[in-house]
Structure formats: C-alpha cells, structure tokens
Amino acid sequence: MKDILLNENFESLSVDILKSYVNSLSFYNLEKEEVYFINKKLELDNRKSIQYLATRFMRCYENYNKELKRIENLYMFDKGFKNFKLIAGIDEVGRGPLAGPIVSAAVILDLNVNNKDMILGLNDSKKLTETKREYLSNIIKSKALAYSISFCSNSDIDERGIGFCNNEVFKKAVYSLDIKPNLVLSDGYTIKNFESPNIAVIRGDSKSASIAAASIIAKVYRDTLMKEQAKIYPHYDFDHNVGYGTRKHIEAIEKYGATSIHRVSFLNNIIGEKHL
C-alpha cells in the first residue's frame, strides 16, 4: 500500500499518478496511523496541487468518520433494546402513489459487529440517490441475518383500503422472515392485530439501522417493479414517477385512461370517473 509513498523519487511522480493513487484508497482498509502517514507525505510535497490533494484527502477522512459515527448511532439505537436479541426493522414504500403496489420490507441485522463491519450509508431511502440505494440494497441483503419483502397490489388497495393494506404488508413481511424476531421496530406506528412485541419509532428510518435497511430494500424493490411496468405502459412515465401523481402521469391518464395497475380508489377525486 505504501510502496508509492516510499518511493525515493516521490516528488518526481506526476500529479495525475498521485491523484489516481489517493482516489483509489478506501478508509475502510486503512488504519488511523496509515491515514496520517499518507497525509504527511502529501503535505511535504512542494507542489501546491499535491498540498491541496492532502487537504482534500483529510477532509474526506473527516467526512468518513462523521458518517461512521452517524451509523454507529443508528446501530446503538437498535442495541438499546437490550432485552431483545433479534430485532427486525420494518418499513413501507408506496402508500401514496396512484399506481402500483404498496411494498414493505423487514430486516434483521447483526447488531453486534465492530464499527468497520457496519453498513455505511444507511439512511431514509428518500434521502439517497437511486444508485446509492441499489448499491446498499445488495449490501444489506448480503449482510442481513434475514430479510423479507411483501406487497399488496393496487386491486387489494381498492378492495380493502390503503390503511388495511399498509398494516397487512407489515405483518406479511415479518411473518415471512426465516428467523423469528424477538422485537419488531416499525416506522411510524404500531402494527395492529399483531402478536409479537412491537415498538413504533417516529421517523424510524433516520434513527434505526434496521428500519433504514428495510426502507432501502423496499424502495429498490418497488422502483424496479415500476420500471418493468413502464415497459408495458410506456405513456405513463412510470420509470420516473414510479406511480406517483406527477403532472405528466395525470395527463397520460386523462389522455389514455387508467391501466390495470392504477388504484381506482385514488383516481376518483383527481381525474373523475370518465377516465377509469
């Protein structure tokens, strides 16, 4: 790792080579002493561009540590429920769209990992870019002790109501887990008619590692499904609005009518019965 920095002709190395080297580094694989060694080596270079590189390198390291601390707090929140060994976080996505299902995910994480093995980047899925969500979804699935995804279709929503379906997908996701949790942390409100211990966490996807993980994999699953529907119904812009009532989406309904995945019960007050 240090070979390039131990080069006797260090200052003869081009700026591009050193930039490429620094950009290839991962703080996850570096000890604190190594970070400071690299920074010192860069700072002692007489070239201003390399000194600036040193400043940027340390700024990135500070941001990495801030993120590490934020994630540690998410894990500590879940670990705070000391009487429960296996904790499942659960969240839903798709409560408000005009089309498509409501989806829920439940995730049981290993909360007894060291800092370096925590899943960095966990957050409310709405605060993450699509690329970041997809990346984290794969990491979560590979590291979780167990996870499951459930949904209720637009037909279910029309027949039973969104409130019932929201509660139902929470229950289905928990019951589908390969491991039975001792406690379920649900985002926003408690689960009705549910036998297992359950605690509601307001804004849970910003406080709990397990709920944040559930939020991400539920969002990725539903977004992917809606992109597939966009191939079947190309006029409705589902690959961008994922079923939400954007202007372009509503204009498409008014022009082409509702599709088989639209929630009729959501459309009556927006576009009227003639388009259903």
C-alpha atoms as a PDB file:
ATOM      1  CA  MET A   1       0.000   0.000   0.000  1.00  0.00           C
ATOM      2  CA  LYS A   2       2.775   2.412   0.932  1.00  0.00           C
ATOM      3  CA  ASP A   3       5.116   1.460  -1.920  1.00  0.00           C
ATOM      4  CA  ILE A   4       4.293   4.505  -3.990  1.00  0.00           C
ATOM      5  CA  LEU A   5       4.736   6.805  -0.980  1.00  0.00           C
ATOM      6  CA  LEU A   6       8.071   5.222  -0.038  1.00  0.00           C
ATOM      7  CA  ASN A   7       9.414   5.931  -3.495  1.00  0.00           C
ATOM      8  CA  GLU A   8      12.693   7.846  -3.129  1.00  0.00           C
ATOM      9  CA  ASN A   9      11.733   9.940  -6.118  1.00  0.00           C
ATOM     10  CA  PHE A  10       8.295  10.713  -4.711  1.00  0.00           C
ATOM     11  CA  GLU A  11       8.301  14.324  -5.880  1.00  0.00           C
ATOM     12  CA  SER A  12       9.086  13.200  -9.404  1.00  0.00           C
ATOM     13  CA  LEU A  13       5.794  11.299  -9.563  1.00  0.00           C
ATOM     14  CA  SER A  14       3.207  13.103 -11.643  1.00  0.00           C
ATOM     15  CA  VAL A  15       0.197  14.819 -10.119  1.00  0.00           C
ATOM     16  CA  ASP A  16      -2.098  12.517 -12.064  1.00  0.00           C
ATOM     17  CA  ILE A  17      -0.423   9.401 -10.652  1.00  0.00           C
ATOM     18  CA  LEU A  18      -0.732  10.674  -7.086  1.00  0.00           C
ATOM     19  CA  LYS A  19      -4.344  11.756  -7.588  1.00  0.00           C
ATOM     20  CA  SER A  20      -5.183   8.350  -9.002  1.00  0.00           C
ATOM     21  CA  TYR A  21      -3.466   6.684  -6.061  1.00  0.00           C
ATOM     22  CA  VAL A  22      -5.282   8.763  -3.435  1.00  0.00           C
ATOM     23  CA  ASN A  23      -8.632   8.294  -5.163  1.00  0.00           C
ATOM     24  CA  SER A  24      -8.129   4.520  -5.116  1.00  0.00           C
ATOM     25  CA  LEU A  25      -7.726   4.419  -1.335  1.00  0.00           C
ATOM     26  CA  SER A  26     -10.525   3.209   0.945  1.00  0.00           C
ATOM     27  CA  PHE A  27     -10.612   4.444   4.524  1.00  0.00           C
ATOM     28  CA  TYR A  28     -12.313   1.184   5.406  1.00  0.00           C
ATOM     29  CA  ASN A  29      -8.997  -0.597   4.746  1.00  0.00           C
ATOM     30  CA  LEU A  30      -6.745   1.996   6.367  1.00  0.00           C
ATOM     31  CA  GLU A  31      -5.662   2.289   9.977  1.00  0.00           C
ATOM     32  CA  LYS A  32      -5.562   5.758  11.524  1.00  0.00           C
ATOM     33  CA  GLU A  33      -1.764   5.778  11.531  1.00  0.00           C
ATOM     34  CA  GLU A  34      -1.679   4.976   7.823  1.00  0.00           C
ATOM     35  CA  VAL A  35      -4.057   7.856   7.049  1.00  0.00           C
ATOM     36  CA  TYR A  36      -1.799  10.327   8.849  1.00  0.00           C
ATOM     37  CA  PHE A  37       1.307   8.885   7.207  1.00  0.00           C
ATOM     38  CA  ILE A  38      -0.211   9.398   3.753  1.00  0.00           C
ATOM     39  CA  ASN A  39      -1.369  12.900   4.610  1.00  0.00           C
ATOM     40  CA  LYS A  40       2.054  13.911   5.966  1.00  0.00           C
ATOM     41  CA  LYS A  41       3.773  12.601   2.854  1.00  0.00           C
ATOM     42  CA  LEU A  42       1.447  14.613   0.624  1.00  0.00           C
ATOM     43  CA  GLU A  43       1.745  17.771   2.747  1.00  0.00           C
ATOM     44  CA  LEU A  44       5.554  17.749   2.491  1.00  0.00           C
ATOM     45  CA  ASP A  45       5.390  17.824  -1.283  1.00  0.00           C
ATOM     46  CA  ASN A  46       6.285  21.314  -2.547  1.00  0.00           C
ATOM     47  CA  ARG A  47       3.671  21.269  -5.299  1.00  0.00           C
ATOM     48  CA  LYS A  48       0.546  23.222  -4.431  1.00  0.00           C
ATOM     49  CA  SER A  49      -1.681  20.781  -6.270  1.00  0.00           C
ATOM     50  CA  ILE A  50      -0.406  17.936  -4.074  1.00  0.00           C
ATOM     51  CA  GLN A  51      -0.814  20.021  -0.925  1.00  0.00           C
ATOM     52  CA  TYR A  52      -4.391  20.670  -1.984  1.00  0.00           C
ATOM     53  CA  LEU A  53      -4.750  16.914  -2.539  1.00  0.00           C
ATOM     54  CA  ALA A  54      -3.608  16.400   1.062  1.00  0.00           C
ATOM     55  CA  THR A  55      -6.248  18.852   2.302  1.00  0.00           C
ATOM     56  CA  ARG A  56      -8.977  17.127   0.288  1.00  0.00           C
ATOM     57  CA  PHE A  57      -7.780  13.720   1.487  1.00  0.00           C
ATOM     58  CA  MET A  58      -8.132  14.730   5.140  1.00  0.00           C
ATOM     59  CA  ARG A  59     -11.495  16.369   4.517  1.00  0.00           C
ATOM     60  CA  CYS A  60     -12.731  13.087   3.083  1.00  0.00           C
ATOM     61  CA  TYR A  61     -11.332  11.271   6.105  1.00  0.00           C
ATOM     62  CA  GLU A  62     -13.209  13.623   8.442  1.00  0.00           C
ATOM     63  CA  ASN A  63     -16.423  13.030   6.499  1.00  0.00           C
ATOM     64  CA  TYR A  64     -15.831   9.288   6.685  1.00  0.00           C
ATOM     65  CA  ASN A  65     -15.514   9.477  10.471  1.00  0.00           C
ATOM     66  CA  LYS A  66     -18.676  11.597  10.734  1.00  0.00           C
ATOM     67  CA  GLU A  67     -20.553   9.007   8.695  1.00  0.00           C
ATOM     68  CA  LEU A  68     -19.095   6.223  10.831  1.00  0.00           C
ATOM     69  CA  LYS A  69     -20.351   7.998  13.955  1.00  0.00           C
ATOM     70  CA  ARG A  70     -23.810   8.565  12.430  1.00  0.00           C
ATOM     71  CA  ILE A  71     -24.116   4.881  11.518  1.00  0.00           C
ATOM     72  CA  GLU A  72     -22.828   3.858  14.934  1.00  0.00           C
ATOM     73  CA  ASN A  73     -25.693   5.870  16.460  1.00  0.00           C
ATOM     74  CA  LEU A  74     -28.220   4.024  14.261  1.00  0.00           C
ATOM     75  CA  TYR A  75     -26.867   0.683  15.426  1.00  0.00           C
ATOM     76  CA  MET A  76     -26.728   1.859  19.062  1.00  0.00           C
ATOM     77  CA  PHE A  77     -30.387   2.874  18.856  1.00  0.00           C
ATOM     78  CA  ASP A  78     -31.348  -0.702  17.988  1.00  0.00           C
ATOM     79  CA  LYS A  79     -28.927  -2.183  20.515  1.00  0.00           C
ATOM     80  CA  GLY A  80     -30.564  -0.007  23.150  1.00  0.00           C
ATOM     81  CA  PHE A  81     -33.415  -2.516  23.347  1.00  0.00           C
ATOM     82  CA  LYS A  82     -31.231  -4.762  25.482  1.00  0.00           C
ATOM     83  CA  ASN A  83     -33.892  -7.255  26.469  1.00  0.00           C
ATOM     84  CA  PHE A  84     -34.296  -8.375  22.847  1.00  0.00           C
ATOM     85  CA  LYS A  85     -31.660 -10.385  20.989  1.00  0.00           C
ATOM     86  CA  LEU A  86     -33.109 -10.404  17.445  1.00  0.00           C
ATOM     87  CA  ILE A  87     -34.611  -7.122  16.269  1.00  0.00           C
ATOM     88  CA  ALA A  88     -36.418  -6.667  12.975  1.00  0.00           C
ATOM     89  CA  GLY A  89     -36.843  -3.247  11.411  1.00  0.00           C
ATOM     90  CA  ILE A  90     -39.819  -2.764   9.114  1.00  0.00           C
ATOM     91  CA  ASP A  91     -40.843  -0.008   6.734  1.00  0.00           C
ATOM     92  CA  GLU A  92     -43.108   0.522   3.731  1.00  0.00           C
ATOM     93  CA  VAL A  93     -42.959   2.395   0.468  1.00  0.00           C
ATOM     94  CA  GLY A  94     -45.741   3.255  -1.951  1.00  0.00           C
ATOM     95  CA  ARG A  95     -48.527   4.400   0.329  1.00  0.00           C
ATOM     96  CA  GLY A  96     -49.337   7.487  -1.740  1.00  0.00           C
ATOM     97  CA  PRO A  97     -48.902   6.635  -5.458  1.00  0.00           C
ATOM     98  CA  LEU A  98     -51.776   6.455  -7.925  1.00  0.00           C
ATOM     99  CA  ALA A  99     -50.487   3.183  -9.384  1.00  0.00           C
ATOM    100  CA  GLY A 100     -48.672   0.054  -8.327  1.00  0.00           C
ATOM    101  CA  PRO A 101     -48.486  -1.876  -5.049  1.00  0.00           C
ATOM    102  CA  ILE A 102     -47.623  -0.863  -1.533  1.00  0.00           C
ATOM    103  CA  VAL A 103     -44.435  -2.681  -0.537  1.00  0.00           C
ATOM    104  CA  SER A 104     -42.942  -3.476   2.853  1.00  0.00           C
ATOM    105  CA  ALA A 105     -39.630  -4.969   3.897  1.00  0.00           C
ATOM    106  CA  ALA A 106     -38.447  -6.441   7.174  1.00  0.00           C
ATOM    107  CA  VAL A 107     -34.743  -6.742   8.008  1.00  0.00           C
ATOM    108  CA  ILE A 108     -32.848  -8.350  10.872  1.00  0.00           C
ATOM    109  CA  LEU A 109     -29.278  -7.058  11.053  1.00  0.00           C
ATOM    110  CA  ASP A 110     -26.340  -8.385  13.025  1.00  0.00           C
ATOM    111  CA  LEU A 111     -26.067  -5.566  15.551  1.00  0.00           C
ATOM    112  CA  ASN A 112     -23.007  -6.980  17.304  1.00  0.00           C
ATOM    113  CA  VAL A 113     -20.478  -6.133  14.615  1.00  0.00           C
ATOM    114  CA  ASN A 114     -17.459  -3.890  15.007  1.00  0.00           C
ATOM    115  CA  ASN A 115     -17.534  -0.412  13.512  1.00  0.00           C
ATOM    116  CA  LYS A 116     -15.810  -1.399  10.293  1.00  0.00           C
ATOM    117  CA  ASP A 117     -18.400  -4.078   9.558  1.00  0.00           C
ATOM    118  CA  MET A 118     -21.403  -1.803   9.976  1.00  0.00           C
ATOM    119  CA  ILE A 119     -23.260  -0.899   6.776  1.00  0.00           C
ATOM    120  CA  LEU A 120     -22.181   2.646   5.960  1.00  0.00           C
ATOM    121  CA  GLY A 121     -24.699   4.819   4.156  1.00  0.00           C
ATOM    122  CA  LEU A 122     -27.845   3.518   5.857  1.00  0.00           C
ATOM    123  CA  ASN A 123     -30.482   6.240   5.844  1.00  0.00           C
ATOM    124  CA  ASP A 124     -34.049   7.074   4.970  1.00  0.00           C
ATOM    125  CA  SER A 125     -34.270   5.754   1.394  1.00  0.00           C
ATOM    126  CA  LYS A 126     -35.750   9.061   0.197  1.00  0.00           C
ATOM    127  CA  LYS A 127     -32.515  10.836   1.151  1.00  0.00           C
ATOM    128  CA  LEU A 128     -30.374   8.580  -1.038  1.00  0.00           C
ATOM    129  CA  THR A 129     -29.725   8.624  -4.756  1.00  0.00           C
ATOM    130  CA  GLU A 130     -31.040   5.777  -6.855  1.00  0.00           C
ATOM    131  CA  THR A 131     -27.504   4.476  -7.445  1.00  0.00           C
ATOM    132  CA  LYS A 132     -26.720   4.566  -3.724  1.00  0.00           C
ATOM    133  CA  ARG A 133     -29.976   2.790  -2.835  1.00  0.00           C
ATOM    134  CA  GLU A 134     -29.316  -0.008  -5.319  1.00  0.00           C
ATOM    135  CA  TYR A 135     -25.752  -0.437  -4.054  1.00  0.00           C
ATOM    136  CA  LEU A 136     -26.875  -0.523  -0.413  1.00  0.00           C
ATOM    137  CA  SER A 137     -29.772  -2.867  -1.139  1.00  0.00           C
ATOM    138  CA  ASN A 138     -27.309  -5.518  -2.317  1.00  0.00           C
ATOM    139  CA  ILE A 139     -25.056  -4.958   0.699  1.00  0.00           C
ATOM    140  CA  ILE A 140     -27.994  -5.185   3.110  1.00  0.00           C
ATOM    141  CA  LYS A 141     -29.239  -8.430   1.576  1.00  0.00           C
ATOM    142  CA  SER A 142     -25.778  -9.987   1.765  1.00  0.00           C
ATOM    143  CA  LYS A 143     -25.114  -8.927   5.375  1.00  0.00           C
ATOM    144  CA  ALA A 144     -28.574  -9.246   6.951  1.00  0.00           C
ATOM    145  CA  LEU A 145     -29.293 -12.220   9.188  1.00  0.00           C
ATOM    146  CA  ALA A 146     -32.700 -12.313   7.479  1.00  0.00           C
ATOM    147  CA  TYR A 147     -34.878 -10.142   5.279  1.00  0.00           C
ATOM    148  CA  SER A 148     -38.206 -10.381   3.508  1.00  0.00           C
ATOM    149  CA  ILE A 149     -40.339  -8.304   1.164  1.00  0.00           C
ATOM    150  CA  SER A 150     -44.131  -8.273   0.886  1.00  0.00           C
ATOM    151  CA  PHE A 151     -46.719  -6.263  -1.005  1.00  0.00           C
ATOM    152  CA  CYS A 152     -50.405  -5.639  -1.576  1.00  0.00           C
ATOM    153  CA  SER A 153     -51.495  -4.959  -5.149  1.00  0.00           C
ATOM    154  CA  ASN A 154     -53.475  -1.993  -6.404  1.00  0.00           C
ATOM    155  CA  SER A 155     -56.524  -4.288  -6.519  1.00  0.00           C
ATOM    156  CA  ASP A 156     -56.021  -5.160  -2.853  1.00  0.00           C
ATOM    157  CA  ILE A 157     -55.799  -1.453  -2.049  1.00  0.00           C
ATOM    158  CA  ASP A 158     -59.013  -0.696  -3.930  1.00  0.00           C
ATOM    159  CA  GLU A 159     -60.812  -3.563  -2.212  1.00  0.00           C
ATOM    160  CA  ARG A 160     -59.548  -3.230   1.377  1.00  0.00           C
ATOM    161  CA  GLY A 161     -58.225   0.339   1.621  1.00  0.00           C
ATOM    162  CA  ILE A 162     -54.701   1.682   1.955  1.00  0.00           C
ATOM    163  CA  GLY A 163     -54.745   1.663   5.758  1.00  0.00           C
ATOM    164  CA  PHE A 164     -55.591  -2.031   5.933  1.00  0.00           C
ATOM    165  CA  CYS A 165     -53.020  -2.905   3.244  1.00  0.00           C
ATOM    166  CA  ASN A 166     -50.311  -0.859   4.944  1.00  0.00           C
ATOM    167  CA  ASN A 167     -50.819  -2.845   8.132  1.00  0.00           C
ATOM    168  CA  GLU A 168     -51.104  -6.101   6.195  1.00  0.00           C
ATOM    169  CA  VAL A 169     -47.783  -5.731   4.358  1.00  0.00           C
ATOM    170  CA  PHE A 170     -46.075  -5.041   7.691  1.00  0.00           C
ATOM    171  CA  LYS A 171     -47.452  -8.276   9.116  1.00  0.00           C
ATOM    172  CA  LYS A 172     -46.707 -10.318   5.983  1.00  0.00           C
ATOM    173  CA  ALA A 173     -43.106  -9.102   5.864  1.00  0.00           C
ATOM    174  CA  VAL A 174     -42.455 -10.084   9.482  1.00  0.00           C
ATOM    175  CA  TYR A 175     -44.160 -13.468   9.150  1.00  0.00           C
ATOM    176  CA  SER A 176     -42.090 -14.214   6.018  1.00  0.00           C
ATOM    177  CA  LEU A 177     -38.741 -13.840   7.787  1.00  0.00           C
ATOM    178  CA  ASP A 178     -36.666 -17.008   8.020  1.00  0.00           C
ATOM    179  CA  ILE A 179     -35.770 -16.042  11.597  1.00  0.00           C
ATOM    180  CA  LYS A 180     -38.405 -15.050  14.121  1.00  0.00           C
ATOM    181  CA  PRO A 181     -37.518 -11.699  15.726  1.00  0.00           C
ATOM    182  CA  ASN A 182     -37.904 -11.020  19.453  1.00  0.00           C
ATOM    183  CA  LEU A 183     -38.891  -7.416  18.735  1.00  0.00           C
ATOM    184  CA  VAL A 184     -40.206  -5.555  15.699  1.00  0.00           C
ATOM    185  CA  LEU A 185     -39.417  -1.864  15.252  1.00  0.00           C
ATOM    186  CA  SER A 186     -41.934  -0.348  12.856  1.00  0.00           C
ATOM    187  CA  ASP A 187     -41.623   3.025  11.185  1.00  0.00           C
ATOM    188  CA  GLY A 188     -44.296   5.490  12.271  1.00  0.00           C
ATOM    189  CA  TYR A 189     -46.904   3.438  14.084  1.00  0.00           C
ATOM    190  CA  THR A 190     -47.548   0.117  15.766  1.00  0.00           C
ATOM    191  CA  ILE A 191     -48.857  -2.880  13.838  1.00  0.00           C
ATOM    192  CA  LYS A 192     -52.489  -3.746  14.548  1.00  0.00           C
ATOM    193  CA  ASN A 193     -53.627  -7.293  15.366  1.00  0.00           C
ATOM    194  CA  PHE A 194     -50.026  -8.414  15.751  1.00  0.00           C
ATOM    195  CA  GLU A 195     -48.860 -10.892  18.359  1.00  0.00           C
ATOM    196  CA  SER A 196     -45.113 -10.165  18.558  1.00  0.00           C
ATOM    197  CA  PRO A 197     -43.548  -7.390  20.654  1.00  0.00           C
ATOM    198  CA  ASN A 198     -43.662  -4.226  18.559  1.00  0.00           C
ATOM    199  CA  ILE A 199     -42.482  -0.657  19.099  1.00  0.00           C
ATOM    200  CA  ALA A 200     -43.297   2.210  16.766  1.00  0.00           C
ATOM    201  CA  VAL A 201     -40.455   4.638  16.020  1.00  0.00           C
ATOM    202  CA  ILE A 202     -41.350   8.065  14.653  1.00  0.00           C
ATOM    203  CA  ARG A 203     -39.043   8.844  11.698  1.00  0.00           C
ATOM    204  CA  GLY A 204     -37.551   5.442  12.336  1.00  0.00           C
ATOM    205  CA  ASP A 205     -35.688   5.304   9.027  1.00  0.00           C
ATOM    206  CA  SER A 206     -33.490   8.144  10.308  1.00  0.00           C
ATOM    207  CA  LYS A 207     -32.961   6.654  13.790  1.00  0.00           C
ATOM    208  CA  SER A 208     -32.794   2.879  13.475  1.00  0.00           C
ATOM    209  CA  ALA A 209     -30.294   0.899  11.399  1.00  0.00           C
ATOM    210  CA  SER A 210     -32.785  -1.941  10.940  1.00  0.00           C
ATOM    211  CA  ILE A 211     -35.643   0.315   9.809  1.00  0.00           C
ATOM    212  CA  ALA A 212     -33.338   2.257   7.468  1.00  0.00           C
ATOM    213  CA  ALA A 213     -32.211  -1.025   5.899  1.00  0.00           C
ATOM    214  CA  ALA A 214     -35.834  -2.088   5.416  1.00  0.00           C
ATOM    215  CA  SER A 215     -36.665   1.279   3.886  1.00  0.00           C
ATOM    216  CA  ILE A 216     -33.924   0.884   1.289  1.00  0.00           C
ATOM    217  CA  ILE A 217     -34.662  -2.631   0.088  1.00  0.00           C
ATOM    218  CA  ALA A 218     -38.417  -1.918  -0.059  1.00  0.00           C
ATOM    219  CA  LYS A 219     -37.814   1.206  -2.142  1.00  0.00           C
ATOM    220  CA  VAL A 220     -35.446  -0.548  -4.563  1.00  0.00           C
ATOM    221  CA  TYR A 221     -37.824  -3.481  -4.972  1.00  0.00           C
ATOM    222  CA  ARG A 222     -40.815  -1.252  -5.743  1.00  0.00           C
ATOM    223  CA  ASP A 223     -38.911   1.122  -8.039  1.00  0.00           C
ATOM    224  CA  THR A 224     -37.599  -1.840 -10.039  1.00  0.00           C
ATOM    225  CA  LEU A 225     -41.101  -3.253 -10.350  1.00  0.00           C
ATOM    226  CA  MET A 226     -42.466   0.081 -11.597  1.00  0.00           C
ATOM    227  CA  LYS A 227     -39.692   0.357 -14.182  1.00  0.00           C
ATOM    228  CA  GLU A 228     -40.796  -3.018 -15.519  1.00  0.00           C
ATOM    229  CA  GLN A 229     -44.359  -1.709 -15.703  1.00  0.00           C
ATOM    230  CA  ALA A 230     -43.069   1.283 -17.696  1.00  0.00           C
ATOM    231  CA  LYS A 231     -42.142  -1.133 -20.495  1.00  0.00           C
ATOM    232  CA  ILE A 232     -45.730  -2.370 -20.589  1.00  0.00           C
ATOM    233  CA  TYR A 233     -47.309   1.073 -20.202  1.00  0.00           C
ATOM    234  CA  PRO A 234     -44.815   3.492 -21.800  1.00  0.00           C
ATOM    235  CA  HIS A 235     -47.110   6.545 -21.826  1.00  0.00           C
ATOM    236  CA  TYR A 236     -47.325   6.963 -18.055  1.00  0.00           C
ATOM    237  CA  ASP A 237     -43.674   7.710 -17.231  1.00  0.00           C
ATOM    238  CA  PHE A 238     -43.611   5.018 -14.522  1.00  0.00           C
ATOM    239  CA  ASP A 239     -39.833   4.665 -14.814  1.00  0.00           C
ATOM    240  CA  HIS A 240     -39.543   8.212 -13.438  1.00  0.00           C
ATOM    241  CA  ASN A 241     -42.607   8.825 -11.262  1.00  0.00           C
ATOM    242  CA  VAL A 242     -42.896   5.189 -10.003  1.00  0.00           C
ATOM    243  CA  GLY A 243     -46.656   5.658  -9.850  1.00  0.00           C
ATOM    244  CA  TYR A 244     -46.842   8.986  -8.033  1.00  0.00           C
ATOM    245  CA  GLY A 245     -49.218  11.647  -9.322  1.00  0.00           C
ATOM    246  CA  THR A 246     -46.929  13.898 -11.325  1.00  0.00           C
ATOM    247  CA  ARG A 247     -48.389  16.233 -13.929  1.00  0.00           C
ATOM    248  CA  LYS A 248     -47.129  14.044 -16.776  1.00  0.00           C
ATOM    249  CA  HIS A 249     -48.667  10.970 -15.160  1.00  0.00           C
ATOM    250  CA  ILE A 250     -52.074  12.600 -14.657  1.00  0.00           C
ATOM    251  CA  GLU A 251     -52.070  13.988 -18.194  1.00  0.00           C
ATOM    252  CA  ALA A 252     -51.404  10.463 -19.505  1.00  0.00           C
ATOM    253  CA  ILE A 253     -54.351   9.099 -17.523  1.00  0.00           C
ATOM    254  CA  GLU A 254     -56.585  11.837 -18.923  1.00  0.00           C
ATOM    255  CA  LYS A 255     -55.443  11.039 -22.456  1.00  0.00           C
ATOM    256  CA  TYR A 256     -55.160   7.230 -22.398  1.00  0.00           C
ATOM    257  CA  GLY A 257     -57.259   6.244 -19.383  1.00  0.00           C
ATOM    258  CA  ALA A 258     -56.288   4.180 -16.341  1.00  0.00           C
ATOM    259  CA  THR A 259     -54.247   0.983 -16.641  1.00  0.00           C
ATOM    260  CA  SER A 260     -54.690  -2.325 -14.860  1.00  0.00           C
ATOM    261  CA  ILE A 261     -52.181  -1.275 -12.180  1.00  0.00           C
ATOM    262  CA  HIS A 262     -53.860   2.028 -11.263  1.00  0.00           C
ATOM    263  CA  ARG A 263     -55.605   2.434  -7.927  1.00  0.00           C
ATOM    264  CA  VAL A 264     -59.132   3.329  -8.968  1.00  0.00           C
ATOM    265  CA  SER A 265     -59.992   4.412  -5.441  1.00  0.00           C
ATOM    266  CA  PHE A 266     -57.208   7.027  -5.624  1.00  0.00           C
ATOM    267  CA  LEU A 267     -58.235   8.410  -9.017  1.00  0.00           C
ATOM    268  CA  ASN A 268     -61.874   9.375  -8.480  1.00  0.00           C
ATOM    269  CA  ASN A 269     -61.125  12.705  -6.807  1.00  0.00           C
ATOM    270  CA  ILE A 270     -58.299  13.555  -9.199  1.00  0.00           C
ATOM    271  CA  ILE A 271     -59.481  12.852 -12.727  1.00  0.00           C
ATOM    272  CA  GLY A 272     -63.097  11.716 -12.424  1.00  0.00           C
ATOM    273  CA  GLU A 273     -64.829   8.500 -13.433  1.00  0.00           C
ATOM    274  CA  LYS A 274     -64.756   9.091 -17.205  1.00  0.00           C
ATOM    275  CA  HIS A 275     -61.050   8.153 -17.366  1.00  0.00           C
ATOM    276  CA  LEU A 276     -61.364   4.952 -15.327  1.00  0.00           C
END
